[in-house]
Structure formats: structure tokens, C-alpha cells
């Protein structure tokens, strides 16, 4: 289902033609609800960076939302060390002197950058003693179907996107409570199936977990 098909379906289901700006709000709100409920492959991104010697801060990507993992790569051996996530207080107490340097072991989300309050920064502990390459796997919002026309979600499991958008649209219309409850129920049913895929099937295989079995009675 592409953007045009989604818009046509919502208009047909609700028997209403919405202004484009309103329809786009319905869709993007539905996408964010979905993306914050289940972790699907398109939500993960990978970037590399580099630390600066004697600088305990590392800039986050501009589209960063949360961390899956952060690793520092030894400049000599190329060995990966996955850093442990802590809070800022822990790092400040463990390494009270910024001049105490070494290979980074911990990281925390420090807060907004001084030059751009909309972007975040990591703080590392201890302060890096050299330039370490870093590899960050992180959560972000992928491009919306509103601008991309097609997305992983629309191509692979469009029912949750359709019913999520219908819930937003019907709420906007102040529609009949029974129909709103129906659309919400279909959305939750589709979401349950998507969670089974994203948070279940994609995190196991038959070799380690065995094949799915239905009890025989």
C-alpha cells in the first residue's frame, strides 16, 4: 500500500474527503504510535563516528531517539568494546576529574548540545585518551509514507498503518463511539500481529527456539 492507496482507503472507510494537511497529520501520528509500540527493522540505524582525545563528549546523530548499542573500537587492534549505559551522575562520580583518561567503558545521554538545544550529546567515561572509532546502533523515526510514498511498514504490514490512521481520522471526525471502538479494536489486533513479528519471530529462529507448535488435542 502506497501513500495514495492509503489516503483513498481512509477516505472510503470514513466516507469523507480530508484536506491533505489533516490527512498527513493522521498518518504521521499513527506512524509514531506504531513505531513507539513495536521495534521493526526499519527503526534501527547504524552510524560510525570518532572520539577526540581528552574530550569526554560525543555528538549524537541529528535524528537520534534512543540507543540500541554503542561500541568503541581500539585504534591499534580494531577490537570492539561495547560501552555500558549509565546515568550522568555515575560517570561524574566514577571519573570526577575530566583529565582522567583511558579507553571509554561507559556512556550516558548528557543532554542538549550547547550550540543546538534540539540535539543531544553523549558523555563518556573515562575521557578518551585517543581517537576511538565508534559504532552506534540507534532508534530513529524512518521517513514517513507522507513523503516517501512507500515504507517498510506500508510494504510489509499495512493493516496496522491503515487502522491506526483510521483511528486518528475518526477521532478527528468525532465519529460514532461504536465505530471508533471497532477501528481501535482492529488497530490493536493488527498491532498484536506486528508485535509477534517484530518483537517475536525476528528475534528467534528454529535452530535455537524450535518451530512454532500448536498443541494437538
C-alpha atoms as a PDB file:
ATOM      1  CA  UNK A   1       0.000   0.000   0.000  1.00  0.00           C
ATOM      2  CA  UNK A   2       1.469   3.340  -1.039  1.00  0.00           C
ATOM      3  CA  UNK A   3       0.523   6.826   0.137  1.00  0.00           C
ATOM      4  CA  UNK A   4      -2.169   7.342  -2.498  1.00  0.00           C
ATOM      5  CA  UNK A   5      -3.777   3.972  -1.737  1.00  0.00           C
ATOM      6  CA  UNK A   6      -3.734   4.701   1.999  1.00  0.00           C
ATOM      7  CA  UNK A   7      -5.416   8.082   1.526  1.00  0.00           C
ATOM      8  CA  UNK A   8      -8.032   6.540  -0.767  1.00  0.00           C
ATOM      9  CA  UNK A   9      -8.765   3.740   1.712  1.00  0.00           C
ATOM     10  CA  UNK A  10      -9.175   6.101   4.683  1.00  0.00           C
ATOM     11  CA  UNK A  11     -11.469   8.354   2.659  1.00  0.00           C
ATOM     12  CA  UNK A  12     -13.521   5.348   1.537  1.00  0.00           C
ATOM     13  CA  UNK A  13     -13.819   3.835   5.021  1.00  0.00           C
ATOM     14  CA  UNK A  14     -14.853   7.125   6.613  1.00  0.00           C
ATOM     15  CA  UNK A  15     -16.863   8.349   3.588  1.00  0.00           C
ATOM     16  CA  UNK A  16     -15.085  11.665   3.976  1.00  0.00           C
ATOM     17  CA  UNK A  17     -12.534  13.646   1.986  1.00  0.00           C
ATOM     18  CA  UNK A  18      -9.995  15.311   4.252  1.00  0.00           C
ATOM     19  CA  UNK A  19      -7.701  18.227   3.432  1.00  0.00           C
ATOM     20  CA  UNK A  20      -4.205  16.928   2.642  1.00  0.00           C
ATOM     21  CA  UNK A  21      -2.687  18.700   5.643  1.00  0.00           C
ATOM     22  CA  UNK A  22      -5.125  16.956   8.015  1.00  0.00           C
ATOM     23  CA  UNK A  23      -4.685  13.566   6.364  1.00  0.00           C
ATOM     24  CA  UNK A  24      -0.916  13.861   6.688  1.00  0.00           C
ATOM     25  CA  UNK A  25      -1.270  14.591  10.409  1.00  0.00           C
ATOM     26  CA  UNK A  26      -3.449  11.477  10.853  1.00  0.00           C
ATOM     27  CA  UNK A  27      -0.873   9.329   9.090  1.00  0.00           C
ATOM     28  CA  UNK A  28       2.217  10.667  10.862  1.00  0.00           C
ATOM     29  CA  UNK A  29       0.538  10.415  14.278  1.00  0.00           C
ATOM     30  CA  UNK A  30      -0.396   6.802  13.533  1.00  0.00           C
ATOM     31  CA  UNK A  31       3.154   6.026  12.427  1.00  0.00           C
ATOM     32  CA  UNK A  32       4.628   7.402  15.638  1.00  0.00           C
ATOM     33  CA  UNK A  33       2.184   5.384  17.755  1.00  0.00           C
ATOM     34  CA  UNK A  34       3.205   2.245  15.877  1.00  0.00           C
ATOM     35  CA  UNK A  35       6.930   2.967  15.991  1.00  0.00           C
ATOM     36  CA  UNK A  36       6.801   3.513  19.751  1.00  0.00           C
ATOM     37  CA  UNK A  37       4.936   0.254  20.333  1.00  0.00           C
ATOM     38  CA  UNK A  38       6.951  -2.291  18.357  1.00  0.00           C
ATOM     39  CA  UNK A  39      10.570  -2.436  17.189  1.00  0.00           C
ATOM     40  CA  UNK A  40      10.633  -3.291  13.500  1.00  0.00           C
ATOM     41  CA  UNK A  41      13.803  -3.483  11.350  1.00  0.00           C
ATOM     42  CA  UNK A  42      13.287  -0.083   9.712  1.00  0.00           C
ATOM     43  CA  UNK A  43      13.561   1.667  13.083  1.00  0.00           C
ATOM     44  CA  UNK A  44      17.235   0.744  13.504  1.00  0.00           C
ATOM     45  CA  UNK A  45      20.084   2.742  12.050  1.00  0.00           C
ATOM     46  CA  UNK A  46      23.858   2.350  12.201  1.00  0.00           C
ATOM     47  CA  UNK A  47      26.449   5.132  12.053  1.00  0.00           C
ATOM     48  CA  UNK A  48      30.139   5.409  12.768  1.00  0.00           C
ATOM     49  CA  UNK A  49      31.971   8.294  14.407  1.00  0.00           C
ATOM     50  CA  UNK A  50      35.181   9.086  16.214  1.00  0.00           C
ATOM     51  CA  UNK A  51      36.053  10.399  19.655  1.00  0.00           C
ATOM     52  CA  UNK A  52      38.556  13.161  20.257  1.00  0.00           C
ATOM     53  CA  UNK A  53      41.432  12.666  22.692  1.00  0.00           C
ATOM     54  CA  UNK A  54      40.804  14.475  26.004  1.00  0.00           C
ATOM     55  CA  UNK A  55      37.198  15.274  25.030  1.00  0.00           C
ATOM     56  CA  UNK A  56      34.615  13.376  27.068  1.00  0.00           C
ATOM     57  CA  UNK A  57      31.688  14.311  24.818  1.00  0.00           C
ATOM     58  CA  UNK A  58      30.461  12.571  21.660  1.00  0.00           C
ATOM     59  CA  UNK A  59      27.829  14.119  19.445  1.00  0.00           C
ATOM     60  CA  UNK A  60      24.585  12.212  18.792  1.00  0.00           C
ATOM     61  CA  UNK A  61      23.178  11.944  15.249  1.00  0.00           C
ATOM     62  CA  UNK A  62      20.596  14.620  14.469  1.00  0.00           C
ATOM     63  CA  UNK A  63      17.802  12.023  14.112  1.00  0.00           C
ATOM     64  CA  UNK A  64      18.764  10.116  17.280  1.00  0.00           C
ATOM     65  CA  UNK A  65      15.967   8.989  19.632  1.00  0.00           C
ATOM     66  CA  UNK A  66      17.456   6.187  21.748  1.00  0.00           C
ATOM     67  CA  UNK A  67      20.344   3.725  21.798  1.00  0.00           C
ATOM     68  CA  UNK A  68      20.472   0.071  20.858  1.00  0.00           C
ATOM     69  CA  UNK A  69      24.246  -0.152  21.407  1.00  0.00           C
ATOM     70  CA  UNK A  70      27.395   1.963  21.365  1.00  0.00           C
ATOM     71  CA  UNK A  71      30.841   0.450  20.794  1.00  0.00           C
ATOM     72  CA  UNK A  72      34.337   1.941  20.861  1.00  0.00           C
ATOM     73  CA  UNK A  73      36.904   0.424  18.512  1.00  0.00           C
ATOM     74  CA  UNK A  74      40.519   0.194  19.645  1.00  0.00           C
ATOM     75  CA  UNK A  75      42.658   2.221  17.199  1.00  0.00           C
ATOM     76  CA  UNK A  76      45.506  -0.301  17.421  1.00  0.00           C
ATOM     77  CA  UNK A  77      43.837  -3.726  17.486  1.00  0.00           C
ATOM     78  CA  UNK A  78      40.454  -2.937  15.935  1.00  0.00           C
ATOM     79  CA  UNK A  79      38.751  -4.749  18.835  1.00  0.00           C
ATOM     80  CA  UNK A  80      35.209  -3.717  19.677  1.00  0.00           C
ATOM     81  CA  UNK A  81      34.278  -2.779  23.253  1.00  0.00           C
ATOM     82  CA  UNK A  82      30.567  -2.273  23.825  1.00  0.00           C
ATOM     83  CA  UNK A  83      30.069   0.537  26.317  1.00  0.00           C
ATOM     84  CA  UNK A  84      27.746   0.158  29.291  1.00  0.00           C
ATOM     85  CA  UNK A  85      24.882   2.603  29.565  1.00  0.00           C
ATOM     86  CA  UNK A  86      24.893   4.572  32.835  1.00  0.00           C
ATOM     87  CA  UNK A  87      23.488   7.881  34.012  1.00  0.00           C
ATOM     88  CA  UNK A  88      25.477  11.103  34.083  1.00  0.00           C
ATOM     89  CA  UNK A  89      25.823  11.006  37.886  1.00  0.00           C
ATOM     90  CA  UNK A  90      27.544   7.621  37.757  1.00  0.00           C
ATOM     91  CA  UNK A  91      30.111   8.818  35.229  1.00  0.00           C
ATOM     92  CA  UNK A  92      30.743  12.053  37.119  1.00  0.00           C
ATOM     93  CA  UNK A  93      31.303  10.146  40.367  1.00  0.00           C
ATOM     94  CA  UNK A  94      33.375   7.344  38.835  1.00  0.00           C
ATOM     95  CA  UNK A  95      35.577   9.807  36.947  1.00  0.00           C
ATOM     96  CA  UNK A  96      35.397  13.089  38.877  1.00  0.00           C
ATOM     97  CA  UNK A  97      38.391  14.543  37.058  1.00  0.00           C
ATOM     98  CA  UNK A  98      37.857  15.103  33.311  1.00  0.00           C
ATOM     99  CA  UNK A  99      41.629  14.841  32.935  1.00  0.00           C
ATOM    100  CA  UNK A 100      41.494  11.164  33.973  1.00  0.00           C
ATOM    101  CA  UNK A 101      41.734   9.488  30.584  1.00  0.00           C
ATOM    102  CA  UNK A 102      41.606   5.955  29.234  1.00  0.00           C
ATOM    103  CA  UNK A 103      39.645   3.667  26.944  1.00  0.00           C
ATOM    104  CA  UNK A 104      35.927   4.504  27.273  1.00  0.00           C
ATOM    105  CA  UNK A 105      33.877   1.969  29.248  1.00  0.00           C
ATOM    106  CA  UNK A 106      30.602   3.797  29.931  1.00  0.00           C
ATOM    107  CA  UNK A 107      28.333   6.316  28.290  1.00  0.00           C
ATOM    108  CA  UNK A 108      25.264   8.349  29.171  1.00  0.00           C
ATOM    109  CA  UNK A 109      22.986  10.772  27.376  1.00  0.00           C
ATOM    110  CA  UNK A 110      24.344  14.039  28.724  1.00  0.00           C
ATOM    111  CA  UNK A 111      21.753  16.439  27.400  1.00  0.00           C
ATOM    112  CA  UNK A 112      21.293  19.081  24.705  1.00  0.00           C
ATOM    113  CA  UNK A 113      24.327  20.460  22.906  1.00  0.00           C
ATOM    114  CA  UNK A 114      25.347  23.978  23.844  1.00  0.00           C
ATOM    115  CA  UNK A 115      25.213  25.102  20.209  1.00  0.00           C
ATOM    116  CA  UNK A 116      21.891  23.387  19.417  1.00  0.00           C
ATOM    117  CA  UNK A 117      19.411  22.590  22.175  1.00  0.00           C
ATOM    118  CA  UNK A 118      17.398  20.383  19.824  1.00  0.00           C
ATOM    119  CA  UNK A 119      20.259  17.850  19.572  1.00  0.00           C
ATOM    120  CA  UNK A 120      21.739  15.545  22.217  1.00  0.00           C
ATOM    121  CA  UNK A 121      25.261  14.612  23.307  1.00  0.00           C
ATOM    122  CA  UNK A 122      26.802  11.510  24.901  1.00  0.00           C
ATOM    123  CA  UNK A 123      29.216  11.780  27.807  1.00  0.00           C
ATOM    124  CA  UNK A 124      31.887   9.056  28.003  1.00  0.00           C
ATOM    125  CA  UNK A 125      33.731   7.640  30.963  1.00  0.00           C
ATOM    126  CA  UNK A 126      36.615   7.779  31.291  1.00  0.00           C
ATOM    127  CA  UNK A 127      37.540  10.663  28.995  1.00  0.00           C
ATOM    128  CA  UNK A 128      39.014   9.097  25.817  1.00  0.00           C
ATOM    129  CA  UNK A 129      42.810   9.069  25.749  1.00  0.00           C
ATOM    130  CA  UNK A 130      42.889   8.770  21.956  1.00  0.00           C
ATOM    131  CA  UNK A 131      40.720   8.942  18.875  1.00  0.00           C
ATOM    132  CA  UNK A 132      38.498   5.852  19.043  1.00  0.00           C
ATOM    133  CA  UNK A 133      36.219   4.936  16.171  1.00  0.00           C
ATOM    134  CA  UNK A 134      32.683   4.374  17.413  1.00  0.00           C
ATOM    135  CA  UNK A 135      29.771   2.381  16.073  1.00  0.00           C
ATOM    136  CA  UNK A 136      26.289   3.409  17.178  1.00  0.00           C
ATOM    137  CA  UNK A 137      23.107   1.419  16.587  1.00  0.00           C
ATOM    138  CA  UNK A 138      20.161   3.610  17.419  1.00  0.00           C
ATOM    139  CA  UNK A 139      16.415   4.092  17.204  1.00  0.00           C
ATOM    140  CA  UNK A 140      15.013   6.785  14.943  1.00  0.00           C
ATOM    141  CA  UNK A 141      11.824   7.588  13.082  1.00  0.00           C
ATOM    142  CA  UNK A 142      12.171   6.457   9.459  1.00  0.00           C
ATOM    143  CA  UNK A 143      10.862   8.697   6.696  1.00  0.00           C
ATOM    144  CA  UNK A 144       7.080   8.923   6.727  1.00  0.00           C
ATOM    145  CA  UNK A 145       4.991   7.457   3.943  1.00  0.00           C
ATOM    146  CA  UNK A 146       3.717  11.018   3.532  1.00  0.00           C
ATOM    147  CA  UNK A 147       6.997  11.950   1.836  1.00  0.00           C
ATOM    148  CA  UNK A 148       8.444   8.539   0.923  1.00  0.00           C
ATOM    149  CA  UNK A 149       5.310   7.175  -0.819  1.00  0.00           C
ATOM    150  CA  UNK A 150       6.313   3.657   0.300  1.00  0.00           C
ATOM    151  CA  UNK A 151       7.899   2.479   3.550  1.00  0.00           C
ATOM    152  CA  UNK A 152       8.873  -0.834   5.135  1.00  0.00           C
ATOM    153  CA  UNK A 153       5.661  -0.697   7.147  1.00  0.00           C
ATOM    154  CA  UNK A 154       3.412   0.030   4.174  1.00  0.00           C
ATOM    155  CA  UNK A 155       5.079  -2.671   2.069  1.00  0.00           C
ATOM    156  CA  UNK A 156       5.247  -5.416   4.699  1.00  0.00           C
ATOM    157  CA  UNK A 157       2.349  -4.902   7.100  1.00  0.00           C
ATOM    158  CA  UNK A 158      -0.083  -2.202   6.018  1.00  0.00           C
ATOM    159  CA  UNK A 159      -3.159  -3.213   8.118  1.00  0.00           C
ATOM    160  CA  UNK A 160      -1.702  -1.598  11.239  1.00  0.00           C
ATOM    161  CA  UNK A 161      -0.993   1.609   9.331  1.00  0.00           C
ATOM    162  CA  UNK A 162      -4.485   1.670   7.805  1.00  0.00           C
ATOM    163  CA  UNK A 163      -6.341   1.098  11.073  1.00  0.00           C
ATOM    164  CA  UNK A 164      -4.015   3.374  13.020  1.00  0.00           C
ATOM    165  CA  UNK A 165      -4.762   6.176  10.558  1.00  0.00           C
ATOM    166  CA  UNK A 166      -8.481   5.406  10.693  1.00  0.00           C
ATOM    167  CA  UNK A 167      -8.446   5.773  14.470  1.00  0.00           C
ATOM    168  CA  UNK A 168      -6.827   9.194  14.138  1.00  0.00           C
ATOM    169  CA  UNK A 169      -9.190  10.277  11.348  1.00  0.00           C
ATOM    170  CA  UNK A 170     -12.354   9.036  13.064  1.00  0.00           C
ATOM    171  CA  UNK A 171     -11.325  10.694  16.315  1.00  0.00           C
ATOM    172  CA  UNK A 172     -10.908  13.957  14.386  1.00  0.00           C
ATOM    173  CA  UNK A 173     -14.393  13.490  12.903  1.00  0.00           C
ATOM    174  CA  UNK A 174     -15.845  12.889  16.377  1.00  0.00           C
ATOM    175  CA  UNK A 175     -17.430   9.812  14.872  1.00  0.00           C
ATOM    176  CA  UNK A 176     -19.797   7.324  16.449  1.00  0.00           C
ATOM    177  CA  UNK A 177     -18.270   5.701  19.560  1.00  0.00           C
ATOM    178  CA  UNK A 178     -19.102   2.187  18.381  1.00  0.00           C
ATOM    179  CA  UNK A 179     -17.295   2.657  15.066  1.00  0.00           C
ATOM    180  CA  UNK A 180     -14.334   4.285  16.785  1.00  0.00           C
ATOM    181  CA  UNK A 181     -14.173   1.299  19.145  1.00  0.00           C
ATOM    182  CA  UNK A 182     -14.337  -1.036  16.133  1.00  0.00           C
ATOM    183  CA  UNK A 183     -11.450   0.696  14.345  1.00  0.00           C
ATOM    184  CA  UNK A 184      -9.452   0.791  17.579  1.00  0.00           C
ATOM    185  CA  UNK A 185     -10.052  -2.924  18.070  1.00  0.00           C
ATOM    186  CA  UNK A 186      -8.864  -3.694  14.544  1.00  0.00           C
ATOM    187  CA  UNK A 187      -5.804  -1.500  15.139  1.00  0.00           C
ATOM    188  CA  UNK A 188      -4.944  -3.372  18.340  1.00  0.00           C
ATOM    189  CA  UNK A 189      -5.445  -6.716  16.600  1.00  0.00           C
ATOM    190  CA  UNK A 190      -3.106  -5.675  13.782  1.00  0.00           C
ATOM    191  CA  UNK A 191      -0.608  -4.291  16.285  1.00  0.00           C
ATOM    192  CA  UNK A 192      -0.575  -7.600  18.142  1.00  0.00           C
ATOM    193  CA  UNK A 193       0.299  -9.390  14.904  1.00  0.00           C
ATOM    194  CA  UNK A 194       3.030  -6.871  14.104  1.00  0.00           C
ATOM    195  CA  UNK A 195       4.498  -7.247  17.610  1.00  0.00           C
ATOM    196  CA  UNK A 196       4.549 -11.010  17.084  1.00  0.00           C
ATOM    197  CA  UNK A 197       6.703 -10.375  14.018  1.00  0.00           C
ATOM    198  CA  UNK A 198       8.931  -7.515  15.193  1.00  0.00           C
ATOM    199  CA  UNK A 199       9.330  -8.438  18.866  1.00  0.00           C
ATOM    200  CA  UNK A 200       8.961 -12.195  18.454  1.00  0.00           C
ATOM    201  CA  UNK A 201       9.694 -14.012  15.202  1.00  0.00           C
ATOM    202  CA  UNK A 202      12.532 -11.706  14.169  1.00  0.00           C
ATOM    203  CA  UNK A 203      14.293 -12.316  17.490  1.00  0.00           C
ATOM    204  CA  UNK A 204      14.447 -16.103  17.261  1.00  0.00           C
ATOM    205  CA  UNK A 205      14.978 -18.950  14.834  1.00  0.00           C
ATOM    206  CA  UNK A 206      14.023 -22.601  14.589  1.00  0.00           C
ATOM    207  CA  UNK A 207      17.557 -23.783  15.420  1.00  0.00           C
ATOM    208  CA  UNK A 208      17.651 -22.144  18.847  1.00  0.00           C
ATOM    209  CA  UNK A 209      13.975 -21.892  19.720  1.00  0.00           C
ATOM    210  CA  UNK A 210      12.318 -24.727  17.812  1.00  0.00           C
ATOM    211  CA  UNK A 211       9.459 -24.353  15.377  1.00  0.00           C
ATOM    212  CA  UNK A 212       6.103 -22.974  16.428  1.00  0.00           C
ATOM    213  CA  UNK A 213       3.775 -25.746  17.551  1.00  0.00           C
ATOM    214  CA  UNK A 214       0.029 -25.829  18.102  1.00  0.00           C
ATOM    215  CA  UNK A 215      -0.995 -28.363  20.782  1.00  0.00           C
ATOM    216  CA  UNK A 216      -2.922 -31.356  19.417  1.00  0.00           C
ATOM    217  CA  UNK A 217      -5.982 -32.284  21.456  1.00  0.00           C
END
